[in-house]
Amino acid sequence: MKPCAECGVPMNSRSCDDLFQALLALDHARQEPWGPLHGVSVSCFLLQHPSQLPADDGAMAWTLLHAYLEGGLDEVNQLVDQARLGNSHRVKNIPPRVVRDVAPPRRDAPPSRFSVTIEDVAVDGTFPAEGFAERVKAWAAATVDAWSRST
């Protein structure tokens, strides 16, 4: 088994990208428990696969994971609402509020291994509902921990 070049997990029958697409399909159904954790799941995946990070180099993903670990989904939802409001074409000349002072990780020093990856969250590849929220929380904590140690 060849490991994923970015997160280090041994590749089984499905790649990390294949698992991510399966997770996105569940997320976009907007059903519990997957839908509410969409932003957290995407943030974990992107930070564990930094070649796919958006132009902000993961600053929003990093901030979102910190918000989740510190305040749960309520904190994440406030952060997303503020970002959405800041992106609105109806809001002009209002500077975006800084939600939290969390410096993003240095993209030039990504970790090569994580104690929890998308494969762990997927369990058998189906992302079972039972225990999903707990697995995502462990994924978020492992992602933040690995990046915090690498910088």
Protein backbone atom coordinates (compact mmCIF):
# COMPACT_ATOMS: atom_id res chain seq x y z
CA MET A 1 0.00 0.00 0.00
CA LYS A 2 1.37 3.33 -1.08
CA PRO A 3 0.77 6.15 1.44
CA CYS A 4 -0.96 9.40 0.54
CA ALA A 5 1.78 11.88 -0.35
CA GLU A 6 0.15 14.60 1.76
CA CYS A 7 -1.47 13.12 4.86
CA GLY A 8 0.61 9.94 5.06
CA VAL A 9 -2.28 7.51 5.42
CA PRO A 10 -1.78 4.13 3.71
CA MET A 11 -3.97 4.05 0.63
CA ASN A 12 -6.50 1.25 0.71
CA SER A 13 -8.96 0.68 -2.08
CA ARG A 14 -10.04 4.36 -2.14
CA SER A 15 -7.86 7.44 -2.33
CA CYS A 16 -8.24 10.40 0.03
CA ASP A 17 -9.83 12.34 -2.83
CA ASP A 18 -12.37 9.55 -3.42
CA LEU A 19 -13.27 9.52 0.26
CA PHE A 20 -13.53 13.32 0.27
CA GLN A 21 -15.96 13.24 -2.67
CA ALA A 22 -18.09 10.67 -0.82
CA LEU A 23 -18.08 12.89 2.27
CA LEU A 24 -19.03 15.97 0.23
CA ALA A 25 -22.02 14.09 -1.17
CA LEU A 26 -23.21 13.40 2.37
CA ASP A 27 -22.45 16.98 3.47
CA HIS A 28 -24.42 18.51 0.63
CA ALA A 29 -27.51 16.49 1.54
CA ARG A 30 -27.60 18.85 4.56
CA GLN A 31 -28.68 16.04 6.84
CA GLU A 32 -27.47 15.30 10.35
CA PRO A 33 -24.75 14.57 11.27
CA TRP A 34 -22.81 15.35 8.08
CA GLY A 35 -24.29 18.64 6.85
CA PRO A 36 -23.69 20.79 9.95
CA LEU A 37 -20.04 19.68 10.03
CA HIS A 38 -19.37 20.46 6.35
CA GLY A 39 -17.06 23.44 6.99
CA VAL A 40 -15.12 21.57 9.65
CA SER A 41 -14.70 18.50 7.44
CA VAL A 42 -13.56 20.56 4.46
CA SER A 43 -11.11 22.49 6.65
CA CYS A 44 -9.60 19.28 8.01
CA PHE A 45 -9.25 17.77 4.56
CA LEU A 46 -7.67 20.88 3.03
CA LEU A 47 -5.19 21.34 5.87
CA GLN A 48 -4.21 17.67 5.61
CA HIS A 49 -3.89 18.00 1.81
CA PRO A 50 -2.24 21.44 1.51
CA SER A 51 -1.78 21.27 -2.25
CA GLN A 52 -5.54 21.89 -2.42
CA LEU A 53 -5.59 24.91 -0.11
CA PRO A 54 -7.31 28.01 -1.50
CA ALA A 55 -5.59 31.32 -2.16
CA ASP A 56 -5.74 32.30 1.53
CA ASP A 57 -3.29 29.45 2.27
CA GLY A 58 -5.72 27.91 4.71
CA ALA A 59 -6.26 30.95 6.94
CA MET A 60 -10.05 30.54 6.98
CA ALA A 61 -9.82 26.76 7.44
CA TRP A 62 -7.38 27.23 10.31
CA THR A 63 -9.59 29.84 11.95
CA LEU A 64 -12.66 27.66 11.51
CA LEU A 65 -10.98 24.65 13.16
CA HIS A 66 -9.92 26.78 16.12
CA ALA A 67 -13.46 28.15 16.42
CA TYR A 68 -14.86 24.62 16.35
CA LEU A 69 -12.46 23.23 18.93
CA GLU A 70 -12.95 26.21 21.25
CA GLY A 71 -16.69 26.85 20.87
CA GLY A 72 -18.29 24.05 18.90
CA LEU A 73 -20.69 24.45 16.00
CA ASP A 74 -22.23 27.62 17.44
CA GLU A 75 -18.88 29.36 17.14
CA VAL A 76 -18.36 27.99 13.63
CA ASN A 77 -21.80 29.18 12.54
CA GLN A 78 -21.08 32.70 13.84
CA LEU A 79 -17.80 32.74 11.95
CA VAL A 80 -19.44 31.55 8.72
CA ASP A 81 -22.27 34.08 9.10
CA GLN A 82 -19.74 36.89 9.49
CA ALA A 83 -17.80 35.72 6.44
CA ARG A 84 -21.01 35.46 4.43
CA LEU A 85 -22.06 38.97 5.49
CA GLY A 86 -18.61 40.31 4.58
CA ASN A 87 -18.94 38.78 1.11
CA SER A 88 -22.36 40.26 0.50
CA HIS A 89 -22.66 42.74 -2.34
CA ARG A 90 -25.16 44.63 -0.17
CA VAL A 91 -22.50 45.50 2.40
CA LYS A 92 -20.17 48.19 1.10
CA ASN A 93 -17.39 50.07 2.80
CA ILE A 94 -17.74 48.09 6.01
CA PRO A 95 -14.45 46.46 6.96
CA PRO A 96 -14.78 42.79 7.89
CA ARG A 97 -14.60 42.09 11.60
CA VAL A 98 -11.72 39.97 12.78
CA VAL A 99 -13.33 37.04 14.51
CA ARG A 100 -10.29 35.74 16.28
CA ASP A 101 -6.58 36.32 16.34
CA VAL A 102 -5.29 32.95 15.15
CA ALA A 103 -2.24 33.04 12.92
CA PRO A 104 -2.54 30.59 10.02
CA PRO A 105 0.02 27.80 9.78
CA ARG A 106 3.07 28.24 7.59
CA ARG A 107 2.30 26.46 4.37
CA ASP A 108 5.98 25.84 3.68
CA ALA A 109 6.23 23.42 6.63
CA PRO A 110 3.24 21.06 6.34
CA PRO A 111 3.13 17.97 8.54
CA SER A 112 3.57 14.67 6.73
CA ARG A 113 1.54 12.56 9.17
CA PHE A 114 -1.64 13.05 11.16
CA SER A 115 -2.95 10.87 13.99
CA VAL A 116 -6.50 11.05 12.55
CA THR A 117 -7.24 11.30 8.83
CA ILE A 118 -10.22 11.14 6.51
CA GLU A 119 -9.80 7.37 6.40
CA ASP A 120 -10.42 7.18 10.15
CA VAL A 121 -13.51 9.38 9.83
CA ALA A 122 -14.78 7.26 6.93
CA VAL A 123 -14.47 4.04 9.01
CA ASP A 124 -15.47 1.58 6.26
CA GLY A 125 -15.68 4.21 3.52
CA THR A 126 -19.31 5.10 4.26
CA PHE A 127 -18.87 7.75 7.00
CA PRO A 128 -21.40 6.10 9.32
CA ALA A 129 -23.65 8.50 11.22
CA GLU A 130 -23.02 6.85 14.57
CA GLY A 131 -20.00 8.51 16.13
CA PHE A 132 -19.43 10.79 13.13
CA ALA A 133 -19.35 14.02 15.17
CA GLU A 134 -16.82 12.52 17.60
CA ARG A 135 -14.61 11.33 14.75
CA VAL A 136 -14.71 14.77 13.11
CA LYS A 137 -13.78 16.42 16.41
CA ALA A 138 -10.80 14.06 16.73
CA TRP A 139 -9.88 14.84 13.10
CA ALA A 140 -9.97 18.58 13.79
CA ALA A 141 -7.88 18.22 16.95
CA ALA A 142 -5.32 16.02 15.18
CA THR A 143 -5.07 18.49 12.29
CA VAL A 144 -4.51 21.50 14.54
CA ASP A 145 -2.06 19.54 16.71
CA ALA A 146 0.06 18.37 13.77
CA TRP A 147 0.22 21.84 12.19
CA SER A 148 0.98 23.44 15.57
CA ARG A 149 3.93 21.11 16.08
CA SER A 150 5.27 21.61 12.53
CA THR A 151 5.62 25.39 12.69
